[in-house]
PDB file of all heavy atoms in Angstrom:
ATOM      1  N   ILE A   1      11.024 -31.269   1.875  1.00  0.00           N
ATOM      2  CA  ILE A   1      10.285 -32.340   1.226  1.00  0.00           C
ATOM      3  C   ILE A   1       9.227 -31.718   0.313  1.00  0.00           C
ATOM      4  O   ILE A   1       9.003 -32.172  -0.864  1.00  0.00           O
ATOM      5  CB  ILE A   1       9.609 -33.307   2.241  1.00  0.00           C
ATOM      6  CG1 ILE A   1      10.708 -34.080   2.965  1.00  0.00           C
ATOM      7  CG2 ILE A   1       8.690 -34.271   1.535  1.00  0.00           C
ATOM      8  CD1 ILE A   1      10.241 -34.897   4.131  1.00  0.00           C
ATOM      9  N   LEU A   2       8.507 -30.655   0.804  1.00  0.00           N
ATOM     10  CA  LEU A   2       7.506 -30.014  -0.031  1.00  0.00           C
ATOM     11  C   LEU A   2       8.230 -29.398  -1.294  1.00  0.00           C
ATOM     12  O   LEU A   2       7.630 -29.532  -2.376  1.00  0.00           O
ATOM     13  CB  LEU A   2       6.867 -28.872   0.749  1.00  0.00           C
ATOM     14  CG  LEU A   2       5.815 -28.073   0.075  1.00  0.00           C
ATOM     15  CD1 LEU A   2       4.654 -28.931  -0.402  1.00  0.00           C
ATOM     16  CD2 LEU A   2       5.328 -26.909   0.916  1.00  0.00           C
ATOM     17  N   GLY A   3       9.327 -28.792  -1.092  1.00  0.00           N
ATOM     18  CA  GLY A   3      10.049 -28.253  -2.269  1.00  0.00           C
ATOM     19  C   GLY A   3      10.421 -29.353  -3.265  1.00  0.00           C
ATOM     20  O   GLY A   3      10.313 -29.161  -4.479  1.00  0.00           O
ATOM     21  N   LEU A   4      10.880 -30.482  -2.766  1.00  0.00           N
ATOM     22  CA  LEU A   4      11.246 -31.607  -3.604  1.00  0.00           C
ATOM     23  C   LEU A   4      10.020 -32.113  -4.397  1.00  0.00           C
ATOM     24  O   LEU A   4      10.116 -32.339  -5.597  1.00  0.00           O
ATOM     25  CB  LEU A   4      11.824 -32.743  -2.766  1.00  0.00           C
ATOM     26  CG  LEU A   4      12.262 -33.965  -3.474  1.00  0.00           C
ATOM     27  CD1 LEU A   4      13.601 -33.730  -4.131  1.00  0.00           C
ATOM     28  CD2 LEU A   4      12.363 -35.147  -2.474  1.00  0.00           C
ATOM     29  N   ILE A   5       8.868 -32.212  -3.711  1.00  0.00           N
ATOM     30  CA  ILE A   5       7.673 -32.695  -4.336  1.00  0.00           C
ATOM     31  C   ILE A   5       7.192 -31.688  -5.371  1.00  0.00           C
ATOM     32  O   ILE A   5       6.809 -32.056  -6.522  1.00  0.00           O
ATOM     33  CB  ILE A   5       6.567 -32.979  -3.332  1.00  0.00           C
ATOM     34  CG1 ILE A   5       6.962 -34.189  -2.460  1.00  0.00           C
ATOM     35  CG2 ILE A   5       5.238 -33.220  -3.991  1.00  0.00           C
ATOM     36  CD1 ILE A   5       6.089 -34.428  -1.282  1.00  0.00           C
ATOM     37  N   GLU A   6       7.243 -30.394  -5.023  1.00  0.00           N
ATOM     38  CA  GLU A   6       6.787 -29.374  -5.983  1.00  0.00           C
ATOM     39  C   GLU A   6       7.683 -29.368  -7.185  1.00  0.00           C
ATOM     40  O   GLU A   6       7.163 -29.195  -8.361  1.00  0.00           O
ATOM     41  CB  GLU A   6       6.854 -27.993  -5.326  1.00  0.00           C
ATOM     42  CG  GLU A   6       5.701 -27.798  -4.343  1.00  0.00           C
ATOM     43  CD  GLU A   6       5.772 -26.467  -3.623  1.00  0.00           C
ATOM     44  OE1 GLU A   6       6.805 -25.764  -3.687  1.00  0.00           O
ATOM     45  OE2 GLU A   6       4.742 -26.098  -3.002  1.00  0.00           O
ATOM     46  N   GLU A   7       9.011 -29.509  -7.019  1.00  0.00           N
ATOM     47  CA  GLU A   7       9.926 -29.533  -8.169  1.00  0.00           C
ATOM     48  C   GLU A   7       9.660 -30.760  -9.044  1.00  0.00           C
ATOM     49  O   GLU A   7       9.632 -30.652 -10.247  1.00  0.00           O
ATOM     50  CB  GLU A   7      11.376 -29.473  -7.658  1.00  0.00           C
ATOM     51  CG  GLU A   7      12.336 -29.307  -8.792  1.00  0.00           C
ATOM     52  CD  GLU A   7      13.766 -29.212  -8.276  1.00  0.00           C
ATOM     53  OE1 GLU A   7      13.965 -28.653  -7.175  1.00  0.00           O
ATOM     54  OE2 GLU A   7      14.671 -29.626  -9.024  1.00  0.00           O
ATOM     55  N   ALA A   8       9.448 -31.876  -8.433  1.00  0.00           N
ATOM     56  CA  ALA A   8       9.205 -33.101  -9.174  1.00  0.00           C
ATOM     57  C   ALA A   8       7.904 -33.069  -9.903  1.00  0.00           C
ATOM     58  O   ALA A   8       7.796 -33.584 -11.024  1.00  0.00           O
ATOM     59  CB  ALA A   8       9.177 -34.334  -8.206  1.00  0.00           C
ATOM     60  N   ALA A   9       6.904 -32.370  -9.340  1.00  0.00           N
ATOM     61  CA  ALA A   9       5.601 -32.281 -10.005  1.00  0.00           C
ATOM     62  C   ALA A   9       5.549 -31.134 -11.038  1.00  0.00           C
ATOM     63  O   ALA A   9       4.622 -30.979 -11.825  1.00  0.00           O
ATOM     64  CB  ALA A   9       4.507 -32.009  -8.957  1.00  0.00           C
ATOM     65  N   GLY A  10       6.637 -30.316 -11.055  1.00  0.00           N
ATOM     66  CA  GLY A  10       6.646 -29.222 -12.011  1.00  0.00           C
ATOM     67  C   GLY A  10       5.925 -27.945 -11.551  1.00  0.00           C
ATOM     68  O   GLY A  10       5.673 -27.053 -12.326  1.00  0.00           O
ATOM     69  N   ILE A  11       5.667 -27.900 -10.236  1.00  0.00           N
ATOM     70  CA  ILE A  11       4.923 -26.719  -9.727  1.00  0.00           C
ATOM     71  C   ILE A  11       5.801 -25.543  -9.588  1.00  0.00           C
ATOM     72  O   ILE A  11       5.327 -24.389  -9.629  1.00  0.00           O
ATOM     73  CB  ILE A  11       4.293 -27.145  -8.369  1.00  0.00           C
ATOM     74  CG1 ILE A  11       3.218 -28.243  -8.562  1.00  0.00           C
ATOM     75  CG2 ILE A  11       3.658 -25.932  -7.648  1.00  0.00           C
ATOM     76  CD1 ILE A  11       2.669 -28.807  -7.278  1.00  0.00           C
ATOM     77  N   SER A  12       7.094 -25.772  -9.381  1.00  0.00           N
ATOM     78  CA  SER A  12       8.003 -24.645  -9.128  1.00  0.00           C
ATOM     79  C   SER A  12       8.010 -23.637 -10.302  1.00  0.00           C
ATOM     80  O   SER A  12       8.166 -22.458 -10.095  1.00  0.00           O
ATOM     81  CB  SER A  12       9.386 -25.137  -8.820  1.00  0.00           C
ATOM     82  OG  SER A  12       9.911 -25.926  -9.869  1.00  0.00           O
ATOM     83  N   LEU A  13       7.832 -24.154 -11.479  1.00  0.00           N
ATOM     84  CA  LEU A  13       7.751 -23.284 -12.661  1.00  0.00           C
ATOM     85  C   LEU A  13       6.537 -22.321 -12.537  1.00  0.00           C
ATOM     86  O   LEU A  13       6.675 -21.130 -12.771  1.00  0.00           O
ATOM     87  CB  LEU A  13       7.578 -24.087 -13.933  1.00  0.00           C
ATOM     88  CG  LEU A  13       7.168 -23.380 -15.224  1.00  0.00           C
ATOM     89  CD1 LEU A  13       8.360 -22.543 -15.686  1.00  0.00           C
ATOM     90  CD2 LEU A  13       6.725 -24.321 -16.247  1.00  0.00           C
ATOM     91  N   TYR A  14       5.418 -22.850 -12.079  1.00  0.00           N
ATOM     92  CA  TYR A  14       4.249 -22.025 -11.934  1.00  0.00           C
ATOM     93  C   TYR A  14       4.364 -21.059 -10.765  1.00  0.00           C
ATOM     94  O   TYR A  14       3.760 -20.017 -10.764  1.00  0.00           O
ATOM     95  CB  TYR A  14       2.987 -22.931 -11.804  1.00  0.00           C
ATOM     96  CG  TYR A  14       2.746 -23.723 -13.040  1.00  0.00           C
ATOM     97  CD1 TYR A  14       2.912 -25.135 -13.049  1.00  0.00           C
ATOM     98  CD2 TYR A  14       2.401 -23.130 -14.218  1.00  0.00           C
ATOM     99  CE1 TYR A  14       2.712 -25.847 -14.207  1.00  0.00           C
ATOM    100  CE2 TYR A  14       2.175 -23.859 -15.368  1.00  0.00           C
ATOM    101  CZ  TYR A  14       2.342 -25.238 -15.340  1.00  0.00           C
ATOM    102  OH  TYR A  14       2.152 -25.931 -16.478  1.00  0.00           O
ATOM    103  N   GLN A  15       5.129 -21.453  -9.748  1.00  0.00           N
ATOM    104  CA  GLN A  15       5.314 -20.544  -8.589  1.00  0.00           C
ATOM    105  C   GLN A  15       6.042 -19.318  -9.068  1.00  0.00           C
ATOM    106  O   GLN A  15       5.671 -18.197  -8.624  1.00  0.00           O
ATOM    107  CB  GLN A  15       6.133 -21.291  -7.528  1.00  0.00           C
ATOM    108  CG  GLN A  15       6.291 -20.469  -6.223  1.00  0.00           C
ATOM    109  CD  GLN A  15       4.952 -20.246  -5.506  1.00  0.00           C
ATOM    110  OE1 GLN A  15       4.035 -21.060  -5.610  1.00  0.00           O
ATOM    111  NE2 GLN A  15       4.880 -19.144  -4.797  1.00  0.00           N
ATOM    112  N   THR A  16       7.035 -19.449  -9.906  1.00  0.00           N
ATOM    113  CA  THR A  16       7.752 -18.240 -10.404  1.00  0.00           C
ATOM    114  C   THR A  16       6.831 -17.375 -11.255  1.00  0.00           C
ATOM    115  O   THR A  16       6.807 -16.137 -11.099  1.00  0.00           O
ATOM    116  CB  THR A  16       8.948 -18.721 -11.296  1.00  0.00           C
ATOM    117  OG1 THR A  16       9.738 -19.665 -10.515  1.00  0.00           O
ATOM    118  CG2 THR A  16       9.789 -17.571 -11.701  1.00  0.00           C
ATOM    119  N   LYS A  17       5.949 -17.994 -12.098  1.00  0.00           N
ATOM    120  CA  LYS A  17       5.059 -17.203 -12.869  1.00  0.00           C
ATOM    121  C   LYS A  17       4.028 -16.514 -11.947  1.00  0.00           C
ATOM    122  O   LYS A  17       3.648 -15.377 -12.201  1.00  0.00           O
ATOM    123  CB  LYS A  17       4.267 -18.109 -13.845  1.00  0.00           C
ATOM    124  CG  LYS A  17       5.137 -18.546 -14.985  1.00  0.00           C
ATOM    125  CD  LYS A  17       4.333 -19.434 -15.967  1.00  0.00           C
ATOM    126  CE  LYS A  17       5.200 -19.862 -17.170  1.00  0.00           C
ATOM    127  NZ  LYS A  17       4.387 -20.633 -18.095  1.00  0.00           N
ATOM    128  N   LYS A  18       3.601 -17.217 -10.912  1.00  0.00           N
ATOM    129  CA  LYS A  18       2.627 -16.619  -9.958  1.00  0.00           C
ATOM    130  C   LYS A  18       3.214 -15.408  -9.286  1.00  0.00           C
ATOM    131  O   LYS A  18       2.581 -14.361  -9.143  1.00  0.00           O
ATOM    132  CB  LYS A  18       2.241 -17.653  -8.926  1.00  0.00           C
ATOM    133  CG  LYS A  18       1.304 -17.103  -7.885  1.00  0.00           C
ATOM    134  CD  LYS A  18       1.037 -18.163  -6.794  1.00  0.00           C
ATOM    135  CE  LYS A  18       0.245 -17.561  -5.670  1.00  0.00           C
ATOM    136  NZ  LYS A  18       0.126 -18.503  -4.522  1.00  0.00           N
ATOM    137  N   GLU A  19       4.488 -15.493  -8.844  1.00  0.00           N
ATOM    138  CA  GLU A  19       5.134 -14.345  -8.194  1.00  0.00           C
ATOM    139  C   GLU A  19       5.265 -13.179  -9.112  1.00  0.00           C
ATOM    140  O   GLU A  19       5.012 -12.046  -8.684  1.00  0.00           O
ATOM    141  CB  GLU A  19       6.494 -14.772  -7.643  1.00  0.00           C
ATOM    142  CG  GLU A  19       6.408 -15.751  -6.486  1.00  0.00           C
ATOM    143  CD  GLU A  19       7.736 -16.395  -6.088  1.00  0.00           C
ATOM    144  OE1 GLU A  19       8.782 -16.080  -6.747  1.00  0.00           O
ATOM    145  OE2 GLU A  19       7.774 -17.172  -5.163  1.00  0.00           O
ATOM    146  N   SER A  20       5.648 -13.404 -10.347  1.00  0.00           N
ATOM    147  CA  SER A  20       5.777 -12.256 -11.288  1.00  0.00           C
ATOM    148  C   SER A  20       4.430 -11.658 -11.604  1.00  0.00           C
ATOM    149  O   SER A  20       4.303 -10.439 -11.689  1.00  0.00           O
ATOM    150  CB  SER A  20       6.507 -12.693 -12.537  1.00  0.00           C
ATOM    151  OG  SER A  20       5.775 -13.637 -13.275  1.00  0.00           O
ATOM    152  N   THR A  21       3.416 -12.512 -11.700  1.00  0.00           N
ATOM    153  CA  THR A  21       2.034 -11.984 -11.994  1.00  0.00           C
ATOM    154  C   THR A  21       1.480 -11.219 -10.789  1.00  0.00           C
ATOM    155  O   THR A  21       0.890 -10.174 -10.973  1.00  0.00           O
ATOM    156  CB  THR A  21       1.113 -13.187 -12.365  1.00  0.00           C
ATOM    157  OG1 THR A  21       1.674 -13.865 -13.468  1.00  0.00           O
ATOM    158  CG2 THR A  21      -0.302 -12.678 -12.701  1.00  0.00           C
ATOM    159  N   THR A  22       1.792 -11.713  -9.579  1.00  0.00           N
ATOM    160  CA  THR A  22       1.336 -11.030  -8.392  1.00  0.00           C
ATOM    161  C   THR A  22       2.010  -9.623  -8.285  1.00  0.00           C
ATOM    162  O   THR A  22       1.335  -8.641  -7.949  1.00  0.00           O
ATOM    163  CB  THR A  22       1.646 -11.865  -7.122  1.00  0.00           C
ATOM    164  OG1 THR A  22       1.015 -13.148  -7.280  1.00  0.00           O
ATOM    165  CG2 THR A  22       1.155 -11.145  -5.891  1.00  0.00           C
ATOM    166  N   ALA A  23       3.271  -9.533  -8.636  1.00  0.00           N
ATOM    167  CA  ALA A  23       3.977  -8.258  -8.636  1.00  0.00           C
ATOM    168  C   ALA A  23       3.401  -7.339  -9.659  1.00  0.00           C
ATOM    169  O   ALA A  23       3.205  -6.128  -9.372  1.00  0.00           O
ATOM    170  CB  ALA A  23       5.465  -8.477  -8.907  1.00  0.00           C
ATOM    171  N   LEU A  24       3.039  -7.849 -10.828  1.00  0.00           N
ATOM    172  CA  LEU A  24       2.385  -7.019 -11.837  1.00  0.00           C
ATOM    173  C   LEU A  24       1.029  -6.488 -11.427  1.00  0.00           C
ATOM    174  O   LEU A  24       0.706  -5.311 -11.596  1.00  0.00           O
ATOM    175  CB  LEU A  24       2.259  -7.801 -13.159  1.00  0.00           C
ATOM    176  CG  LEU A  24       1.636  -7.075 -14.335  1.00  0.00           C
ATOM    177  CD1 LEU A  24       2.455  -5.911 -14.741  1.00  0.00           C
ATOM    178  CD2 LEU A  24       1.383  -8.043 -15.473  1.00  0.00           C
ATOM    179  N   ILE A  25       0.247  -7.363 -10.785  1.00  0.00           N
ATOM    180  CA  ILE A  25      -1.082  -6.960 -10.285  1.00  0.00           C
ATOM    181  C   ILE A  25      -0.908  -5.842  -9.199  1.00  0.00           C
ATOM    182  O   ILE A  25      -1.655  -4.879  -9.196  1.00  0.00           O
ATOM    183  CB  ILE A  25      -1.858  -8.163  -9.707  1.00  0.00           C
ATOM    184  CG1 ILE A  25      -2.269  -9.111 -10.823  1.00  0.00           C
ATOM    185  CG2 ILE A  25      -3.067  -7.728  -8.881  1.00  0.00           C
ATOM    186  CD1 ILE A  25      -2.850 -10.388 -10.386  1.00  0.00           C
ATOM    187  N   LYS A  26       0.063  -6.023  -8.313  1.00  0.00           N
ATOM    188  CA  LYS A  26       0.330  -5.023  -7.296  1.00  0.00           C
ATOM    189  C   LYS A  26       0.675  -3.693  -7.881  1.00  0.00           C
ATOM    190  O   LYS A  26       0.185  -2.619  -7.456  1.00  0.00           O
ATOM    191  CB  LYS A  26       1.401  -5.526  -6.316  1.00  0.00           C
ATOM    192  CG  LYS A  26       1.535  -4.695  -5.117  1.00  0.00           C
ATOM    193  CD  LYS A  26       2.517  -5.367  -4.148  1.00  0.00           C
ATOM    194  CE  LYS A  26       2.556  -4.675  -2.820  1.00  0.00           C
ATOM    195  NZ  LYS A  26       3.376  -5.359  -1.824  1.00  0.00           N
ATOM    196  N   LYS A  27       1.518  -3.721  -8.940  1.00  0.00           N
ATOM    197  CA  LYS A  27       1.921  -2.515  -9.614  1.00  0.00           C
ATOM    198  C   LYS A  27       0.711  -1.803 -10.269  1.00  0.00           C
ATOM    199  O   LYS A  27       0.549  -0.589 -10.154  1.00  0.00           O
ATOM    200  CB  LYS A  27       3.005  -2.835 -10.678  1.00  0.00           C
ATOM    201  CG  LYS A  27       3.539  -1.686 -11.425  1.00  0.00           C
ATOM    202  CD  LYS A  27       4.541  -2.170 -12.441  1.00  0.00           C
ATOM    203  CE  LYS A  27       5.021  -1.047 -13.324  1.00  0.00           C
ATOM    204  NZ  LYS A  27       5.970  -1.499 -14.353  1.00  0.00           N
ATOM    205  N   LYS A  28      -0.155  -2.589 -10.921  1.00  0.00           N
ATOM    206  CA  LYS A  28      -1.354  -2.071 -11.561  1.00  0.00           C
ATOM    207  C   LYS A  28      -2.319  -1.493 -10.525  1.00  0.00           C
ATOM    208  O   LYS A  28      -2.932  -0.448 -10.795  1.00  0.00           O
ATOM    209  CB  LYS A  28      -2.035  -3.086 -12.432  1.00  0.00           C
ATOM    210  CG  LYS A  28      -1.190  -3.639 -13.554  1.00  0.00           C
ATOM    211  CD  LYS A  28      -0.871  -2.607 -14.578  1.00  0.00           C
ATOM    212  CE  LYS A  28      -0.066  -3.182 -15.703  1.00  0.00           C
ATOM    213  NZ  LYS A  28       0.266  -2.201 -16.727  1.00  0.00           N
ATOM    214  N   ASP A  29      -2.433  -2.149  -9.375  1.00  0.00           N
ATOM    215  CA  ASP A  29      -3.305  -1.641  -8.325  1.00  0.00           C
ATOM    216  C   ASP A  29      -2.845  -0.279  -7.818  1.00  0.00           C
ATOM    217  O   ASP A  29      -3.586   0.616  -7.515  1.00  0.00           O
ATOM    218  CB  ASP A  29      -3.380  -2.609  -7.147  1.00  0.00           C
ATOM    219  CG  ASP A  29      -4.375  -3.745  -7.405  1.00  0.00           C
ATOM    220  OD1 ASP A  29      -5.225  -3.602  -8.299  1.00  0.00           O
ATOM    221  OD2 ASP A  29      -4.308  -4.763  -6.712  1.00  0.00           O
ATOM    222  N   ASN A  30      -1.483  -0.154  -7.652  1.00  0.00           N
ATOM    223  CA  ASN A  30      -0.938   1.099  -7.191  1.00  0.00           C
ATOM    224  C   ASN A  30      -1.220   2.190  -8.241  1.00  0.00           C
ATOM    225  O   ASN A  30      -1.548   3.325  -7.836  1.00  0.00           O
ATOM    226  CB  ASN A  30       0.542   0.967  -6.953  1.00  0.00           C
ATOM    227  CG  ASN A  30       0.859   0.160  -5.747  1.00  0.00           C
ATOM    228  OD1 ASN A  30       0.038  -0.032  -4.844  1.00  0.00           O
ATOM    229  ND2 ASN A  30       2.069  -0.390  -5.706  1.00  0.00           N
ATOM    230  N   LYS A  31      -1.087   1.871  -9.495  1.00  0.00           N
ATOM    231  CA  LYS A  31      -1.377   2.855 -10.526  1.00  0.00           C
ATOM    232  C   LYS A  31      -2.869   3.277 -10.504  1.00  0.00           C
ATOM    233  O   LYS A  31      -3.211   4.439 -10.700  1.00  0.00           O
ATOM    234  CB  LYS A  31      -0.975   2.284 -11.879  1.00  0.00           C
ATOM    235  CG  LYS A  31      -1.030   3.262 -13.053  1.00  0.00           C
ATOM    236  CD  LYS A  31       0.013   4.374 -12.871  1.00  0.00           C
ATOM    237  CE  LYS A  31       0.058   5.237 -14.073  1.00  0.00           C
ATOM    238  NZ  LYS A  31       0.999   6.345 -13.915  1.00  0.00           N
ATOM    239  N   LEU A  32      -3.765   2.294 -10.302  1.00  0.00           N
ATOM    240  CA  LEU A  32      -5.164   2.559 -10.240  1.00  0.00           C
ATOM    241  C   LEU A  32      -5.484   3.447  -9.077  1.00  0.00           C
ATOM    242  O   LEU A  32      -6.340   4.375  -9.160  1.00  0.00           O
ATOM    243  CB  LEU A  32      -5.902   1.242 -10.137  1.00  0.00           C
ATOM    244  CG  LEU A  32      -7.467   1.324 -10.126  1.00  0.00           C
ATOM    245  CD1 LEU A  32      -7.972   1.966 -11.431  1.00  0.00           C
ATOM    246  CD2 LEU A  32      -8.091  -0.055  -9.952  1.00  0.00           C
ATOM    247  N   GLN A  33      -4.887   3.223  -7.892  1.00  0.00           N
ATOM    248  CA  GLN A  33      -5.056   4.068  -6.770  1.00  0.00           C
ATOM    249  C   GLN A  33      -4.630   5.529  -7.016  1.00  0.00           C
ATOM    250  O   GLN A  33      -5.260   6.469  -6.627  1.00  0.00           O
ATOM    251  CB  GLN A  33      -4.374   3.512  -5.519  1.00  0.00           C
ATOM    252  CG  GLN A  33      -5.025   2.305  -4.924  1.00  0.00           C
ATOM    253  CD  GLN A  33      -4.242   1.702  -3.773  1.00  0.00           C
ATOM    254  OE1 GLN A  33      -3.143   2.152  -3.458  1.00  0.00           O
ATOM    255  NE2 GLN A  33      -4.801   0.643  -3.165  1.00  0.00           N
ATOM    256  N   GLU A  34      -3.488   5.626  -7.723  1.00  0.00           N
ATOM    257  CA  GLU A  34      -2.940   6.926  -8.125  1.00  0.00           C
ATOM    258  C   GLU A  34      -3.966   7.674  -9.006  1.00  0.00           C
ATOM    259  O   GLU A  34      -4.236   8.858  -8.807  1.00  0.00           O
ATOM    260  CB  GLU A  34      -1.636   6.737  -8.771  1.00  0.00           C
ATOM    261  CG  GLU A  34      -0.934   8.022  -9.178  1.00  0.00           C
ATOM    262  CD  GLU A  34       0.389   7.786  -9.895  1.00  0.00           C
ATOM    263  OE1 GLU A  34       1.060   6.833  -9.557  1.00  0.00           O
ATOM    264  OE2 GLU A  34       0.638   8.603 -10.811  1.00  0.00           O
ATOM    265  N   ILE A  35      -4.494   6.984  -9.977  1.00  0.00           N
ATOM    266  CA  ILE A  35      -5.478   7.559 -10.889  1.00  0.00           C
ATOM    267  C   ILE A  35      -6.721   8.039 -10.134  1.00  0.00           C
ATOM    268  O   ILE A  35      -7.271   9.076 -10.373  1.00  0.00           O
ATOM    269  CB  ILE A  35      -5.814   6.626 -12.036  1.00  0.00           C
ATOM    270  CG1 ILE A  35      -4.622   6.440 -12.945  1.00  0.00           C
ATOM    271  CG2 ILE A  35      -7.026   7.070 -12.795  1.00  0.00           C
ATOM    272  CD1 ILE A  35      -4.727   5.350 -13.964  1.00  0.00           C
ATOM    273  N   ASN A  36      -7.193   7.136  -9.222  1.00  0.00           N
ATOM    274  CA  ASN A  36      -8.376   7.500  -8.432  1.00  0.00           C
ATOM    275  C   ASN A  36      -8.167   8.713  -7.540  1.00  0.00           C
ATOM    276  O   ASN A  36      -9.040   9.542  -7.406  1.00  0.00           O
ATOM    277  CB  ASN A  36      -8.809   6.303  -7.574  1.00  0.00           C
ATOM    278  CG  ASN A  36      -9.513   5.253  -8.397  1.00  0.00           C
ATOM    279  OD1 ASN A  36     -10.107   5.530  -9.388  1.00  0.00           O
ATOM    280  ND2 ASN A  36      -9.437   3.974  -7.909  1.00  0.00           N
ATOM    281  N   MET A  37      -6.960   8.824  -7.034  1.00  0.00           N
ATOM    282  CA  MET A  37      -6.636  10.041  -6.186  1.00  0.00           C
ATOM    283  C   MET A  37      -6.621  11.272  -7.059  1.00  0.00           C
ATOM    284  O   MET A  37      -7.140  12.357  -6.633  1.00  0.00           O
ATOM    285  CB  MET A  37      -5.274   9.861  -5.459  1.00  0.00           C
ATOM    286  CG  MET A  37      -5.351   8.959  -4.272  1.00  0.00           C
ATOM    287  SD  MET A  37      -3.787   8.631  -3.445  1.00  0.00           S
ATOM    288  CE  MET A  37      -2.898  10.119  -3.543  1.00  0.00           C
ATOM    289  N   ILE A  38      -6.090  11.211  -8.246  1.00  0.00           N
ATOM    290  CA  ILE A  38      -6.076  12.345  -9.195  1.00  0.00           C
ATOM    291  C   ILE A  38      -7.514  12.713  -9.525  1.00  0.00           C
ATOM    292  O   ILE A  38      -7.855  13.903  -9.565  1.00  0.00           O
ATOM    293  CB  ILE A  38      -5.253  12.018 -10.436  1.00  0.00           C
ATOM    294  CG1 ILE A  38      -3.761  11.944 -10.064  1.00  0.00           C
ATOM    295  CG2 ILE A  38      -5.459  13.082 -11.492  1.00  0.00           C
ATOM    296  CD1 ILE A  38      -2.912  11.398 -11.196  1.00  0.00           C
ATOM    297  N   LEU A  39      -8.356  11.738  -9.787  1.00  0.00           N
ATOM    298  CA  LEU A  39      -9.736  11.988 -10.123  1.00  0.00           C
ATOM    299  C   LEU A  39     -10.465  12.704  -8.986  1.00  0.00           C
ATOM    300  O   LEU A  39     -11.192  13.659  -9.183  1.00  0.00           O
ATOM    301  CB  LEU A  39     -10.482  10.732 -10.502  1.00  0.00           C
ATOM    302  CG  LEU A  39     -10.174  10.117 -11.867  1.00  0.00           C
ATOM    303  CD1 LEU A  39     -10.858   8.774 -12.014  1.00  0.00           C
ATOM    304  CD2 LEU A  39     -10.662  11.083 -12.928  1.00  0.00           C
ATOM    305  N   GLU A  40     -10.248  12.232  -7.719  1.00  0.00           N
ATOM    306  CA  GLU A  40     -10.905  12.817  -6.577  1.00  0.00           C
ATOM    307  C   GLU A  40     -10.414  14.227  -6.322  1.00  0.00           C
ATOM    308  O   GLU A  40     -11.232  15.081  -5.988  1.00  0.00           O
ATOM    309  CB  GLU A  40     -10.649  11.933  -5.323  1.00  0.00           C
ATOM    310  CG  GLU A  40     -11.408  10.691  -5.269  1.00  0.00           C
ATOM    311  CD  GLU A  40     -11.133   9.895  -4.004  1.00  0.00           C
ATOM    312  OE1 GLU A  40     -10.757  10.485  -2.998  1.00  0.00           O
ATOM    313  OE2 GLU A  40     -11.310   8.635  -4.061  1.00  0.00           O
ATOM    314  N   ASN A  41      -9.120  14.460  -6.427  1.00  0.00           N
ATOM    315  CA  ASN A  41      -8.569  15.744  -6.029  1.00  0.00           C
ATOM    316  C   ASN A  41      -8.594  16.828  -7.191  1.00  0.00           C
ATOM    317  O   ASN A  41      -8.675  17.989  -6.852  1.00  0.00           O
ATOM    318  CB  ASN A  41      -7.113  15.583  -5.606  1.00  0.00           C
ATOM    319  CG  ASN A  41      -7.038  14.728  -4.340  1.00  0.00           C
ATOM    320  OD1 ASN A  41      -7.945  14.681  -3.523  1.00  0.00           O
ATOM    321  ND2 ASN A  41      -5.901  14.042  -4.165  1.00  0.00           N
ATOM    322  N   GLU A  42      -8.558  16.403  -8.406  1.00  0.00           N
ATOM    323  CA  GLU A  42      -8.413  17.399  -9.492  1.00  0.00           C
ATOM    324  C   GLU A  42      -9.659  17.493 -10.379  1.00  0.00           C
ATOM    325  O   GLU A  42      -9.977  18.550 -10.843  1.00  0.00           O
ATOM    326  CB  GLU A  42      -7.152  17.117 -10.303  1.00  0.00           C
ATOM    327  CG  GLU A  42      -5.888  17.309  -9.489  1.00  0.00           C
ATOM    328  CD  GLU A  42      -4.651  17.038 -10.305  1.00  0.00           C
ATOM    329  OE1 GLU A  42      -4.722  16.980 -11.535  1.00  0.00           O
ATOM    330  OE2 GLU A  42      -3.587  16.911  -9.682  1.00  0.00           O
ATOM    331  N   VAL A  43     -10.257  16.316 -10.641  1.00  0.00           N
ATOM    332  CA  VAL A  43     -11.345  16.332 -11.636  1.00  0.00           C
ATOM    333  C   VAL A  43     -12.717  16.596 -10.933  1.00  0.00           C
ATOM    334  O   VAL A  43     -13.505  17.445 -11.401  1.00  0.00           O
ATOM    335  CB  VAL A  43     -11.425  15.011 -12.394  1.00  0.00           C
ATOM    336  CG1 VAL A  43     -12.594  14.962 -13.306  1.00  0.00           C
ATOM    337  CG2 VAL A  43     -10.130  14.831 -13.230  1.00  0.00           C
TER     338      VAL A  43
END
């Protein structure tokens, strides 16, 4: 029922965008951690 309501309200479109944005943020966070480790160990 929740899925039906979300689809009828048009929320499912935003859920897909949210998931892709969350994946992008996670990828950027990993890259930031990698850069911080390089700074700590080498610079």
